[in-house]
Amino acid sequence: MSALFFYMAISGADGRDDWETVAFQWTMPGLDEEVFYRGVLLVAMNEAFAKRISILGAPIGFGGLLTSALFGLAHGLSFGPGGFEFELGFFLMTGGPSILLLWMREKTGSILLPVIAHNIANGAFTMF
């Protein structure tokens, strides 16, 4: 399925994204952000906030929820000529799915599935 999405993205369905943008969105954000948020930061937060509860078989704690909120804030906050701005839509569009990526990470114990899911989600936006 992801191969079909990738093909649609590079075929120029909407005519806006060039090959470099498509290749980047289908690879780098998931690698970069997942290693940090669901890798390094999550391990640190789970050490700081050790108590977790099982949600559909995955141990989720405050540290994990905090990493998801920080992920959303990183995408929802910006700084421009008028100072800091907060876009609730970007926060929700990224922070919400981040909880699913957190669940995948905690359920499998690996960042592989979150990296793949993240890249497919980002890549899908290159098709529209």
N, C-alpha and C. Protein backbone atom coordinates (compact mmCIF):
# COMPACT_ATOMS: atom_id res chain seq x y z
N MET A 1 0.82 -1.19 0.00
CA MET A 1 0.00 0.00 0.00
C MET A 1 0.87 1.26 0.00
N SER A 2 1.91 1.26 0.82
CA SER A 2 2.77 2.45 0.86
C SER A 2 3.46 2.67 -0.48
N ALA A 3 3.78 1.58 -1.20
CA ALA A 3 4.40 1.71 -2.52
C ALA A 3 3.44 2.41 -3.49
N LEU A 4 2.15 2.09 -3.41
CA LEU A 4 1.16 2.76 -4.25
C LEU A 4 1.08 4.24 -3.91
N PHE A 5 1.05 4.56 -2.61
CA PHE A 5 1.01 5.97 -2.20
C PHE A 5 2.25 6.71 -2.70
N PHE A 6 3.41 6.07 -2.56
CA PHE A 6 4.65 6.71 -3.01
C PHE A 6 4.60 6.96 -4.51
N TYR A 7 4.13 5.97 -5.28
CA TYR A 7 4.02 6.14 -6.73
C TYR A 7 3.09 7.31 -7.06
N MET A 8 1.96 7.40 -6.38
CA MET A 8 1.02 8.49 -6.63
C MET A 8 1.65 9.84 -6.31
N ALA A 9 2.46 9.88 -5.26
CA ALA A 9 3.11 11.14 -4.88
C ALA A 9 4.10 11.59 -5.94
N ILE A 10 4.93 10.68 -6.43
CA ILE A 10 5.94 11.10 -7.42
C ILE A 10 5.36 11.26 -8.81
N SER A 11 4.14 10.74 -9.05
CA SER A 11 3.54 10.90 -10.37
C SER A 11 2.94 12.28 -10.55
N GLY A 12 2.91 13.08 -9.48
CA GLY A 12 2.45 14.47 -9.60
C GLY A 12 0.95 14.58 -9.66
N ALA A 13 0.24 13.86 -8.80
CA ALA A 13 -1.22 13.90 -8.79
C ALA A 13 -1.75 15.32 -8.65
N ASP A 14 -1.09 16.15 -7.87
CA ASP A 14 -1.55 17.53 -7.70
C ASP A 14 -0.62 18.53 -8.37
N GLY A 15 0.51 18.07 -8.85
CA GLY A 15 1.41 18.95 -9.58
C GLY A 15 2.20 19.93 -8.74
N ARG A 16 2.17 19.83 -7.41
CA ARG A 16 2.85 20.81 -6.57
C ARG A 16 4.20 20.37 -6.05
N ASP A 17 4.38 19.11 -5.74
CA ASP A 17 5.60 18.65 -5.08
C ASP A 17 6.61 18.11 -6.09
N ASP A 18 7.87 18.53 -5.91
CA ASP A 18 8.92 18.00 -6.77
C ASP A 18 9.47 16.71 -6.15
N TRP A 19 10.32 16.02 -6.88
CA TRP A 19 10.88 14.75 -6.47
C TRP A 19 11.60 14.87 -5.12
N GLU A 20 12.35 15.95 -4.93
CA GLU A 20 13.11 16.13 -3.70
C GLU A 20 12.19 16.23 -2.49
N THR A 21 11.10 16.99 -2.62
CA THR A 21 10.14 17.13 -1.52
C THR A 21 9.49 15.80 -1.19
N VAL A 22 9.08 15.08 -2.22
CA VAL A 22 8.44 13.79 -2.02
C VAL A 22 9.40 12.82 -1.33
N ALA A 23 10.62 12.73 -1.83
CA ALA A 23 11.62 11.82 -1.25
C ALA A 23 11.89 12.19 0.21
N PHE A 24 11.98 13.48 0.50
CA PHE A 24 12.23 13.91 1.87
C PHE A 24 11.07 13.51 2.78
N GLN A 25 9.85 13.84 2.38
CA GLN A 25 8.68 13.57 3.23
C GLN A 25 8.45 12.09 3.46
N TRP A 26 8.87 11.24 2.53
CA TRP A 26 8.67 9.80 2.68
C TRP A 26 9.81 9.13 3.44
N THR A 27 10.83 9.91 3.88
CA THR A 27 11.95 9.29 4.57
C THR A 27 12.38 10.02 5.84
N MET A 28 12.77 11.25 5.73
CA MET A 28 13.48 11.92 6.82
C MET A 28 12.65 12.32 8.05
N PRO A 29 11.45 12.89 7.92
CA PRO A 29 10.76 13.30 9.15
C PRO A 29 10.54 12.15 10.13
N GLY A 30 10.17 11.00 9.62
CA GLY A 30 9.95 9.85 10.50
C GLY A 30 11.23 9.40 11.17
N LEU A 31 12.31 9.36 10.41
CA LEU A 31 13.60 8.96 10.99
C LEU A 31 14.04 9.95 12.06
N ASP A 32 14.04 11.21 11.72
CA ASP A 32 14.52 12.25 12.61
C ASP A 32 13.63 12.40 13.84
N GLU A 33 12.35 12.61 13.63
CA GLU A 33 11.45 12.90 14.74
C GLU A 33 11.15 11.68 15.61
N GLU A 34 11.03 10.53 15.01
CA GLU A 34 10.74 9.33 15.81
C GLU A 34 11.93 8.93 16.68
N VAL A 35 13.13 9.03 16.14
CA VAL A 35 14.31 8.72 16.95
C VAL A 35 14.37 9.64 18.16
N PHE A 36 14.02 10.91 17.96
CA PHE A 36 14.06 11.84 19.08
C PHE A 36 12.86 11.65 20.02
N TYR A 37 11.64 11.80 19.49
CA TYR A 37 10.46 11.81 20.36
C TYR A 37 10.08 10.44 20.92
N ARG A 38 10.07 9.40 20.10
CA ARG A 38 9.70 8.07 20.58
C ARG A 38 10.92 7.23 20.90
N GLY A 39 12.09 7.81 20.79
CA GLY A 39 13.33 7.13 21.14
C GLY A 39 13.94 7.77 22.37
N VAL A 40 14.84 8.71 22.14
CA VAL A 40 15.62 9.34 23.21
C VAL A 40 14.74 10.02 24.27
N LEU A 41 13.84 10.90 23.83
CA LEU A 41 13.02 11.64 24.79
C LEU A 41 12.08 10.73 25.56
N LEU A 42 11.48 9.76 24.88
CA LEU A 42 10.57 8.84 25.56
C LEU A 42 11.28 8.02 26.63
N VAL A 43 12.47 7.54 26.32
CA VAL A 43 13.24 6.78 27.31
C VAL A 43 13.51 7.65 28.54
N ALA A 44 13.93 8.89 28.32
CA ALA A 44 14.19 9.81 29.43
C ALA A 44 12.92 10.09 30.23
N MET A 45 11.82 10.35 29.54
CA MET A 45 10.56 10.65 30.23
C MET A 45 10.03 9.42 30.98
N ASN A 46 10.20 8.25 30.41
CA ASN A 46 9.77 7.03 31.12
C ASN A 46 10.61 6.78 32.36
N GLU A 47 11.86 7.19 32.34
CA GLU A 47 12.70 7.08 33.55
C GLU A 47 12.25 8.09 34.59
N ALA A 48 11.90 9.29 34.15
CA ALA A 48 11.49 10.34 35.08
C ALA A 48 10.10 10.07 35.66
N PHE A 49 9.21 9.52 34.84
CA PHE A 49 7.83 9.23 35.25
C PHE A 49 7.60 7.74 35.03
N ALA A 50 8.00 6.94 35.98
CA ALA A 50 8.04 5.49 35.81
C ALA A 50 6.67 4.81 35.80
N LYS A 51 5.68 5.37 36.48
CA LYS A 51 4.38 4.72 36.58
C LYS A 51 3.67 4.73 35.23
N ARG A 52 3.21 3.54 34.83
CA ARG A 52 2.50 3.43 33.55
C ARG A 52 1.32 2.49 33.72
N ILE A 53 0.35 2.66 32.84
CA ILE A 53 -0.81 1.77 32.83
C ILE A 53 -0.88 1.10 31.46
N SER A 54 -1.48 -0.06 31.41
CA SER A 54 -1.61 -0.79 30.16
C SER A 54 -2.84 -0.30 29.40
N ILE A 55 -2.61 0.18 28.19
CA ILE A 55 -3.69 0.60 27.30
C ILE A 55 -3.61 -0.26 26.05
N LEU A 56 -4.57 -1.16 25.91
CA LEU A 56 -4.60 -2.12 24.80
C LEU A 56 -3.27 -2.87 24.69
N GLY A 57 -2.73 -3.23 25.83
CA GLY A 57 -1.51 -4.03 25.87
C GLY A 57 -0.21 -3.26 25.80
N ALA A 58 -0.28 -1.95 25.77
CA ALA A 58 0.94 -1.13 25.72
C ALA A 58 1.07 -0.32 27.00
N PRO A 59 2.25 -0.32 27.63
CA PRO A 59 2.43 0.45 28.87
C PRO A 59 2.61 1.94 28.56
N ILE A 60 1.59 2.73 28.86
CA ILE A 60 1.61 4.17 28.57
C ILE A 60 1.63 4.92 29.90
N GLY A 61 2.51 5.90 29.99
CA GLY A 61 2.62 6.69 31.20
C GLY A 61 2.60 8.18 30.89
N PHE A 62 2.73 8.96 31.94
CA PHE A 62 2.72 10.41 31.81
C PHE A 62 3.87 10.88 30.91
N GLY A 63 5.03 10.24 31.02
CA GLY A 63 6.17 10.61 30.18
C GLY A 63 5.86 10.48 28.70
N GLY A 64 5.17 9.41 28.33
CA GLY A 64 4.80 9.21 26.94
C GLY A 64 3.81 10.25 26.47
N LEU A 65 2.82 10.54 27.32
CA LEU A 65 1.84 11.57 26.95
C LEU A 65 2.50 12.94 26.84
N LEU A 66 3.48 13.18 27.70
CA LEU A 66 4.22 14.44 27.64
C LEU A 66 5.01 14.54 26.33
N THR A 67 5.62 13.46 25.89
CA THR A 67 6.35 13.51 24.61
C THR A 67 5.40 13.78 23.46
N SER A 68 4.19 13.25 23.51
CA SER A 68 3.21 13.51 22.45
C SER A 68 2.77 14.97 22.46
N ALA A 69 2.57 15.52 23.65
CA ALA A 69 2.21 16.94 23.75
C ALA A 69 3.34 17.82 23.23
N LEU A 70 4.57 17.48 23.58
CA LEU A 70 5.72 18.25 23.09
C LEU A 70 5.86 18.14 21.58
N PHE A 71 5.57 16.98 21.03
CA PHE A 71 5.59 16.79 19.58
C PHE A 71 4.58 17.72 18.92
N GLY A 72 3.37 17.77 19.47
CA GLY A 72 2.34 18.67 18.95
C GLY A 72 2.75 20.13 19.08
N LEU A 73 3.32 20.49 20.22
CA LEU A 73 3.76 21.88 20.41
C LEU A 73 4.87 22.26 19.43
N ALA A 74 5.78 21.33 19.16
CA ALA A 74 6.86 21.61 18.22
C ALA A 74 6.31 21.94 16.84
N HIS A 75 5.17 21.37 16.50
CA HIS A 75 4.56 21.63 15.20
C HIS A 75 3.56 22.79 15.25
N GLY A 76 2.99 23.05 16.41
CA GLY A 76 1.98 24.09 16.54
C GLY A 76 2.52 25.47 16.88
N LEU A 77 3.71 25.53 17.45
CA LEU A 77 4.31 26.82 17.80
C LEU A 77 5.22 27.31 16.68
N SER A 78 5.17 28.60 16.44
CA SER A 78 6.09 29.19 15.48
C SER A 78 6.44 30.60 15.95
N PHE A 79 7.48 31.13 15.38
CA PHE A 79 7.92 32.48 15.72
C PHE A 79 8.07 33.26 14.43
N GLY A 80 7.46 34.42 14.39
CA GLY A 80 7.53 35.26 13.20
C GLY A 80 7.66 36.71 13.58
N PRO A 81 7.40 37.61 12.64
CA PRO A 81 7.53 39.05 12.90
C PRO A 81 6.65 39.53 14.05
N GLY A 82 5.51 38.88 14.24
CA GLY A 82 4.61 39.28 15.32
C GLY A 82 4.88 38.58 16.63
N GLY A 83 5.96 37.81 16.70
CA GLY A 83 6.28 37.06 17.91
C GLY A 83 5.85 35.61 17.80
N PHE A 84 5.62 35.00 18.94
CA PHE A 84 5.21 33.59 18.95
C PHE A 84 3.76 33.46 18.51
N GLU A 85 3.49 32.41 17.78
CA GLU A 85 2.13 32.10 17.36
C GLU A 85 1.86 30.63 17.66
N PHE A 86 0.62 30.35 18.01
CA PHE A 86 0.22 28.97 18.28
C PHE A 86 -0.94 28.62 17.37
N GLU A 87 -0.76 27.57 16.59
CA GLU A 87 -1.80 27.08 15.69
C GLU A 87 -2.41 25.82 16.28
N LEU A 88 -3.60 25.93 16.82
CA LEU A 88 -4.26 24.79 17.46
C LEU A 88 -4.45 23.65 16.47
N GLY A 89 -4.77 23.96 15.22
CA GLY A 89 -4.97 22.92 14.21
C GLY A 89 -3.73 22.07 14.00
N PHE A 90 -2.57 22.72 13.89
CA PHE A 90 -1.32 21.98 13.71
C PHE A 90 -1.00 21.15 14.96
N PHE A 91 -1.27 21.73 16.12
CA PHE A 91 -1.04 21.00 17.38
C PHE A 91 -1.88 19.73 17.42
N LEU A 92 -3.16 19.85 17.08
CA LEU A 92 -4.05 18.69 17.13
C LEU A 92 -3.74 17.68 16.02
N MET A 93 -3.40 18.19 14.82
CA MET A 93 -3.11 17.32 13.69
C MET A 93 -1.84 16.50 13.89
N THR A 94 -0.94 16.98 14.72
CA THR A 94 0.30 16.25 14.96
C THR A 94 0.32 15.59 16.34
N GLY A 95 -0.18 16.29 17.35
CA GLY A 95 -0.18 15.74 18.70
C GLY A 95 -1.11 14.55 18.85
N GLY A 96 -2.27 14.60 18.19
CA GLY A 96 -3.22 13.49 18.26
C GLY A 96 -2.64 12.19 17.69
N PRO A 97 -2.21 12.21 16.42
CA PRO A 97 -1.61 11.00 15.86
C PRO A 97 -0.34 10.57 16.59
N SER A 98 0.32 11.51 17.25
CA SER A 98 1.51 11.19 18.01
C SER A 98 1.21 10.19 19.13
N ILE A 99 0.00 10.23 19.65
CA ILE A 99 -0.40 9.28 20.69
C ILE A 99 -0.47 7.87 20.10
N LEU A 100 -0.94 7.76 18.86
CA LEU A 100 -0.95 6.46 18.19
C LEU A 100 0.47 5.96 17.96
N LEU A 101 1.36 6.85 17.55
CA LEU A 101 2.77 6.47 17.36
C LEU A 101 3.40 6.05 18.68
N LEU A 102 3.04 6.74 19.76
CA LEU A 102 3.50 6.36 21.10
C LEU A 102 3.02 4.96 21.44
N TRP A 103 1.74 4.67 21.18
CA TRP A 103 1.20 3.35 21.47
C TRP A 103 1.96 2.28 20.68
N MET A 104 2.21 2.54 19.39
CA MET A 104 2.96 1.59 18.56
C MET A 104 4.34 1.32 19.15
N ARG A 105 4.99 2.39 19.57
CA ARG A 105 6.35 2.27 20.13
C ARG A 105 6.34 1.45 21.41
N GLU A 106 5.40 1.75 22.29
CA GLU A 106 5.36 1.06 23.58
C GLU A 106 4.88 -0.38 23.42
N LYS A 107 3.98 -0.63 22.49
CA LYS A 107 3.47 -1.98 22.27
C LYS A 107 4.55 -2.89 21.69
N THR A 108 5.33 -2.38 20.72
CA THR A 108 6.33 -3.21 20.04
C THR A 108 7.70 -3.14 20.69
N GLY A 109 7.98 -2.06 21.43
CA GLY A 109 9.31 -1.87 22.01
C GLY A 109 10.33 -1.39 20.98
N SER A 110 9.86 -1.00 19.81
CA SER A 110 10.75 -0.59 18.72
C SER A 110 10.22 0.69 18.09
N ILE A 111 11.12 1.47 17.49
CA ILE A 111 10.66 2.66 16.78
C ILE A 111 10.43 2.38 15.30
N LEU A 112 10.66 1.16 14.85
CA LEU A 112 10.52 0.84 13.43
C LEU A 112 9.11 1.12 12.90
N LEU A 113 8.08 0.60 13.55
CA LEU A 113 6.72 0.82 13.10
C LEU A 113 6.32 2.30 13.16
N PRO A 114 6.64 3.02 14.24
CA PRO A 114 6.33 4.45 14.24
C PRO A 114 7.05 5.22 13.12
N VAL A 115 8.29 4.86 12.80
CA VAL A 115 9.01 5.53 11.71
C VAL A 115 8.28 5.31 10.39
N ILE A 116 7.90 4.06 10.13
CA ILE A 116 7.20 3.74 8.88
C ILE A 116 5.86 4.47 8.81
N ALA A 117 5.08 4.40 9.89
CA ALA A 117 3.77 5.06 9.92
C ALA A 117 3.90 6.57 9.75
N HIS A 118 4.88 7.16 10.41
CA HIS A 118 5.11 8.60 10.32
C HIS A 118 5.44 8.99 8.88
N ASN A 119 6.32 8.24 8.25
CA ASN A 119 6.70 8.57 6.88
C ASN A 119 5.55 8.38 5.89
N ILE A 120 4.73 7.37 6.10
CA ILE A 120 3.56 7.18 5.23
C ILE A 120 2.59 8.35 5.41
N ALA A 121 2.37 8.76 6.66
CA ALA A 121 1.47 9.88 6.91
C ALA A 121 1.99 11.16 6.26
N ASN A 122 3.28 11.46 6.46
CA ASN A 122 3.85 12.66 5.83
C ASN A 122 3.83 12.54 4.32
N GLY A 123 4.17 11.37 3.82
CA GLY A 123 4.19 11.17 2.38
C GLY A 123 2.82 11.30 1.76
N ALA A 124 1.79 10.85 2.46
CA ALA A 124 0.43 10.96 1.94
C ALA A 124 0.05 12.41 1.66
N PHE A 125 0.57 13.34 2.47
CA PHE A 125 0.27 14.76 2.25
C PHE A 125 0.90 15.29 0.97
N THR A 126 1.89 14.60 0.43
CA THR A 126 2.49 15.05 -0.82
C THR A 126 1.60 14.68 -2.01
N MET A 127 0.59 13.87 -1.78
CA MET A 127 -0.30 13.45 -2.88
C MET A 127 -1.46 14.40 -3.07
N PHE A 128 -1.70 15.28 -2.13
CA PHE A 128 -2.88 16.14 -2.21
C PHE A 128 -2.53 17.60 -2.32
